[in-house]
């Protein structure tokens, strides 16, 4: 099935709409990008329609937020388009490029993207534990969590108490793309294994009486074992 990505104008409209609701707690486009990425990478994909209240904040319950039903439909269509852009990149195994906005000085920080990713993880927090428990694979989360908690109000949650220098930040930002790819592959393998186990169980349950079901071939298991920034599209 062919994929038609959103245009630059589409992304500008999406960013402008979200910015209009920032005072009501809506996500920025950068935060949304991280949020959607986590939902698509994680244990179980969650679609945009299911998380609209988190995306729009108080604007979700504001009847005046969208003047017409068509405006709301256009906004949801843009959300879905962005969701599909990320999904296409991940499913195709293409290099992931996060949406990272620059500040008024032209500096890219990446915190908003990582905070969005962290918020997406929280929706299936227990299932993300599978990744945290795998010491080797959990390293993919290190740069994302470092950016997500850099300015956390609780100093004990911050990975670095001192100011992060530009070189360190650059390393974290550069690591986002390979980290996202590794996380996506980790949970894809988990889902594949679970599907194989379910298929095997169903085969055993439906085997004719007196005939043993042939064992299904299980996918390679990702071992859960211990713990632990698509630089580009800058606007």
Protein backbone atom coordinates (compact mmCIF):
# COMPACT_ATOMS: atom_id res chain seq x y z
CA UNK A 1 0.00 0.00 0.00
CA UNK A 2 1.46 3.36 -1.03
CA UNK A 3 2.08 5.99 1.61
CA UNK A 4 1.52 9.71 1.02
CA UNK A 5 3.36 11.65 3.75
CA UNK A 6 2.14 14.97 5.06
CA UNK A 7 3.44 18.01 3.21
CA UNK A 8 5.36 20.89 4.80
CA UNK A 9 2.13 22.92 4.67
CA UNK A 10 0.29 20.12 6.46
CA UNK A 11 2.89 20.10 9.23
CA UNK A 12 2.71 23.87 9.54
CA UNK A 13 -1.07 23.67 9.96
CA UNK A 14 -0.71 20.94 12.57
CA UNK A 15 1.95 22.90 14.48
CA UNK A 16 -0.14 26.10 14.34
CA UNK A 17 -3.26 24.34 15.63
CA UNK A 18 -1.40 22.78 18.54
CA UNK A 19 0.27 26.11 19.34
CA UNK A 20 -3.17 27.74 19.51
CA UNK A 21 -4.03 25.44 22.42
CA UNK A 22 -0.71 25.54 24.28
CA UNK A 23 -2.19 27.70 27.05
CA UNK A 24 -4.75 24.91 27.57
CA UNK A 25 -2.08 22.26 28.02
CA UNK A 26 -1.91 20.92 24.46
CA UNK A 27 1.29 19.26 23.26
CA UNK A 28 3.68 21.01 20.92
CA UNK A 29 4.46 19.28 17.62
CA UNK A 30 7.84 18.23 19.00
CA UNK A 31 6.25 16.68 22.09
CA UNK A 32 3.59 15.02 19.94
CA UNK A 33 6.28 13.49 17.73
CA UNK A 34 7.98 11.89 20.73
CA UNK A 35 4.64 10.80 22.16
CA UNK A 36 3.50 9.11 18.93
CA UNK A 37 6.91 7.47 18.52
CA UNK A 38 6.65 5.81 21.92
CA UNK A 39 3.11 4.62 21.20
CA UNK A 40 4.21 3.06 17.92
CA UNK A 41 7.45 1.56 19.26
CA UNK A 42 5.99 0.13 22.43
CA UNK A 43 4.39 -3.13 23.49
CA UNK A 44 0.98 -2.40 22.01
CA UNK A 45 0.20 0.36 19.46
CA UNK A 46 -2.28 2.96 20.72
CA UNK A 47 -4.06 5.04 18.08
CA UNK A 48 -4.39 8.87 18.14
CA UNK A 49 -8.17 8.82 18.67
CA UNK A 50 -7.61 7.03 21.99
CA UNK A 51 -5.32 9.72 23.37
CA UNK A 52 -6.88 12.97 22.09
CA UNK A 53 -7.43 14.30 25.65
CA UNK A 54 -3.70 13.96 26.35
CA UNK A 55 -2.78 15.67 23.08
CA UNK A 56 -5.21 18.59 23.39
CA UNK A 57 -5.26 19.11 27.16
CA UNK A 58 -8.20 21.20 28.32
CA UNK A 59 -9.00 22.10 24.71
CA UNK A 60 -10.43 18.62 24.32
CA UNK A 61 -13.44 19.58 26.46
CA UNK A 62 -13.68 23.13 25.12
CA UNK A 63 -16.62 23.32 22.73
CA UNK A 64 -15.19 26.54 21.28
CA UNK A 65 -11.81 25.01 20.44
CA UNK A 66 -12.91 24.10 16.93
CA UNK A 67 -15.50 26.36 15.35
CA UNK A 68 -16.89 23.69 13.04
CA UNK A 69 -17.01 19.92 12.86
CA UNK A 70 -14.96 20.14 9.67
CA UNK A 71 -12.11 21.93 11.49
CA UNK A 72 -12.00 19.14 14.05
CA UNK A 73 -12.03 16.50 11.32
CA UNK A 74 -9.17 18.26 9.53
CA UNK A 75 -7.15 18.38 12.73
CA UNK A 76 -7.71 14.69 13.44
CA UNK A 77 -6.77 13.93 9.84
CA UNK A 78 -3.46 15.78 10.29
CA UNK A 79 -2.82 13.89 13.52
CA UNK A 80 -3.45 10.59 11.79
CA UNK A 81 -1.22 11.64 8.90
CA UNK A 82 1.65 12.33 11.26
CA UNK A 83 1.01 9.05 13.04
CA UNK A 84 1.17 7.21 9.71
CA UNK A 85 4.36 9.04 8.71
CA UNK A 86 6.10 7.69 11.81
CA UNK A 87 4.53 4.25 11.46
CA UNK A 88 5.68 3.99 7.83
CA UNK A 89 9.24 4.89 8.77
CA UNK A 90 9.38 2.33 11.58
CA UNK A 91 7.67 -0.48 9.70
CA UNK A 92 9.89 0.06 6.64
CA UNK A 93 13.04 0.01 8.77
CA UNK A 94 14.03 3.44 7.50
CA UNK A 95 16.21 5.80 9.59
CA UNK A 96 13.99 7.61 12.06
CA UNK A 97 14.24 11.40 12.18
CA UNK A 98 12.59 13.09 15.19
CA UNK A 99 10.87 16.44 14.89
CA UNK A 100 13.18 18.69 16.91
CA UNK A 101 12.40 22.40 17.16
CA UNK A 102 15.11 25.00 17.67
CA UNK A 103 14.73 27.77 20.24
CA UNK A 104 14.91 31.52 19.50
CA UNK A 105 18.71 31.23 19.36
CA UNK A 106 18.64 28.37 16.87
CA UNK A 107 19.63 25.80 19.49
CA UNK A 108 18.01 22.36 19.49
CA UNK A 109 17.45 20.92 22.96
CA UNK A 110 15.34 17.80 22.40
CA UNK A 111 13.78 17.83 25.87
CA UNK A 112 10.20 18.29 24.63
CA UNK A 113 10.56 15.34 22.25
CA UNK A 114 11.94 13.08 24.98
CA UNK A 115 9.28 14.22 27.46
CA UNK A 116 6.62 13.27 24.92
CA UNK A 117 8.24 9.86 24.48
CA UNK A 118 8.30 9.35 28.24
CA UNK A 119 4.63 10.30 28.50
CA UNK A 120 3.81 7.73 25.84
CA UNK A 121 5.68 5.06 27.79
CA UNK A 122 3.64 5.77 30.90
CA UNK A 123 0.44 4.59 29.20
CA UNK A 124 1.77 1.02 29.21
CA UNK A 125 4.27 1.42 32.00
CA UNK A 126 4.28 -2.19 33.20
CA UNK A 127 4.85 -3.59 29.71
CA UNK A 128 7.75 -1.22 29.11
CA UNK A 129 9.33 -2.94 32.10
CA UNK A 130 10.33 -5.75 29.72
CA UNK A 131 12.80 -3.37 28.10
CA UNK A 132 14.09 -1.92 31.37
CA UNK A 133 14.77 -5.45 32.61
CA UNK A 134 17.00 -6.26 29.63
CA UNK A 135 20.36 -4.73 30.56
CA UNK A 136 21.75 -4.68 27.02
CA UNK A 137 18.63 -3.51 25.16
CA UNK A 138 17.72 -0.96 27.85
CA UNK A 139 20.76 1.09 26.82
CA UNK A 140 18.62 2.40 23.95
CA UNK A 141 16.56 4.30 26.52
CA UNK A 142 19.53 6.10 28.11
CA UNK A 143 19.74 9.18 25.81
CA UNK A 144 15.95 9.56 25.70
CA UNK A 145 15.54 9.33 29.47
CA UNK A 146 18.48 11.70 30.01
CA UNK A 147 16.76 14.37 27.89
CA UNK A 148 13.31 13.63 29.32
CA UNK A 149 14.38 14.09 32.94
CA UNK A 150 17.08 16.76 32.47
CA UNK A 151 14.86 19.48 33.94
CA UNK A 152 12.67 17.35 36.21
CA UNK A 153 11.44 19.34 39.24
CA UNK A 154 12.71 16.58 41.53
CA UNK A 155 16.49 16.86 41.36
CA UNK A 156 16.85 13.21 42.33
CA UNK A 157 15.16 12.26 39.05
CA UNK A 158 17.70 14.17 36.95
CA UNK A 159 20.47 12.05 35.41
CA UNK A 160 22.93 14.96 35.62
CA UNK A 161 22.86 17.60 38.36
CA UNK A 162 25.34 19.83 36.52
CA UNK A 163 24.57 21.77 33.34
CA UNK A 164 24.76 19.55 30.27
CA UNK A 165 27.39 20.79 27.83
CA UNK A 166 26.66 21.09 24.08
CA UNK A 167 28.82 18.08 23.24
CA UNK A 168 26.91 15.78 25.58
CA UNK A 169 23.58 17.08 24.32
CA UNK A 170 24.74 16.53 20.75
CA UNK A 171 25.52 12.90 21.56
CA UNK A 172 22.08 12.36 23.09
CA UNK A 173 20.33 13.97 20.12
CA UNK A 174 22.33 11.92 17.64
CA UNK A 175 21.45 8.77 19.56
CA UNK A 176 17.68 9.26 19.26
CA UNK A 177 17.45 7.75 15.77
CA UNK A 178 19.30 4.47 16.47
CA UNK A 179 17.66 4.21 19.89
CA UNK A 180 14.16 4.42 18.41
CA UNK A 181 15.05 1.75 15.86
CA UNK A 182 16.40 -0.56 18.57
CA UNK A 183 13.34 -0.07 20.79
CA UNK A 184 10.97 -0.74 17.89
CA UNK A 185 12.80 -3.96 16.99
CA UNK A 186 12.82 -5.11 20.62
CA UNK A 187 9.06 -4.91 21.04
CA UNK A 188 8.43 -6.22 17.51
CA UNK A 189 10.32 -9.36 18.54
CA UNK A 190 8.30 -9.58 21.75
CA UNK A 191 5.03 -9.30 19.84
CA UNK A 192 6.19 -11.89 17.31
CA UNK A 193 7.06 -14.34 20.07
CA UNK A 194 3.73 -13.80 21.81
CA UNK A 195 1.86 -14.36 18.53
CA UNK A 196 3.79 -17.61 17.97
CA UNK A 197 2.98 -18.83 21.47
CA UNK A 198 -0.71 -18.01 21.02
CA UNK A 199 -0.76 -19.81 17.67
CA UNK A 200 0.89 -22.85 19.22
CA UNK A 201 -1.61 -22.92 22.08
CA UNK A 202 -4.54 -22.60 19.67
CA UNK A 203 -3.14 -25.42 17.53
CA UNK A 204 -2.92 -27.68 20.56
CA UNK A 205 -6.47 -26.86 21.60
CA UNK A 206 -7.93 -27.53 18.15
CA UNK A 207 -5.97 -30.72 17.35
CA UNK A 208 -8.21 -33.76 16.60
CA UNK A 209 -8.66 -36.09 19.56
CA UNK A 210 -5.85 -38.57 19.81
CA UNK A 211 -3.65 -36.58 17.43
CA UNK A 212 -0.90 -34.44 18.87
CA UNK A 213 -0.63 -30.96 17.43
CA UNK A 214 2.58 -30.17 15.66
CA UNK A 215 4.58 -27.68 17.70
CA UNK A 216 4.59 -24.23 16.22
CA UNK A 217 7.94 -22.74 15.43
CA UNK A 218 8.51 -19.98 17.98
CA UNK A 219 10.20 -16.75 17.10
CA UNK A 220 13.52 -15.96 18.72
CA UNK A 221 12.96 -14.80 22.26
CA UNK A 222 14.23 -11.50 23.50
CA UNK A 223 15.58 -12.17 26.94
CA UNK A 224 14.42 -9.84 29.69
CA UNK A 225 17.33 -9.49 32.12
CA UNK A 226 18.56 -5.79 33.86
CA UNK A 227 18.25 -1.69 33.85
CA UNK A 228 19.68 1.38 32.67
CA UNK A 229 18.15 12.29 20.54
CA UNK A 230 16.06 11.65 13.76
CA UNK A 231 18.23 14.71 14.37
CA UNK A 232 16.72 16.69 11.59
CA UNK A 233 13.51 18.30 10.46
CA UNK A 234 14.53 21.22 12.62
CA UNK A 235 12.11 24.08 12.47
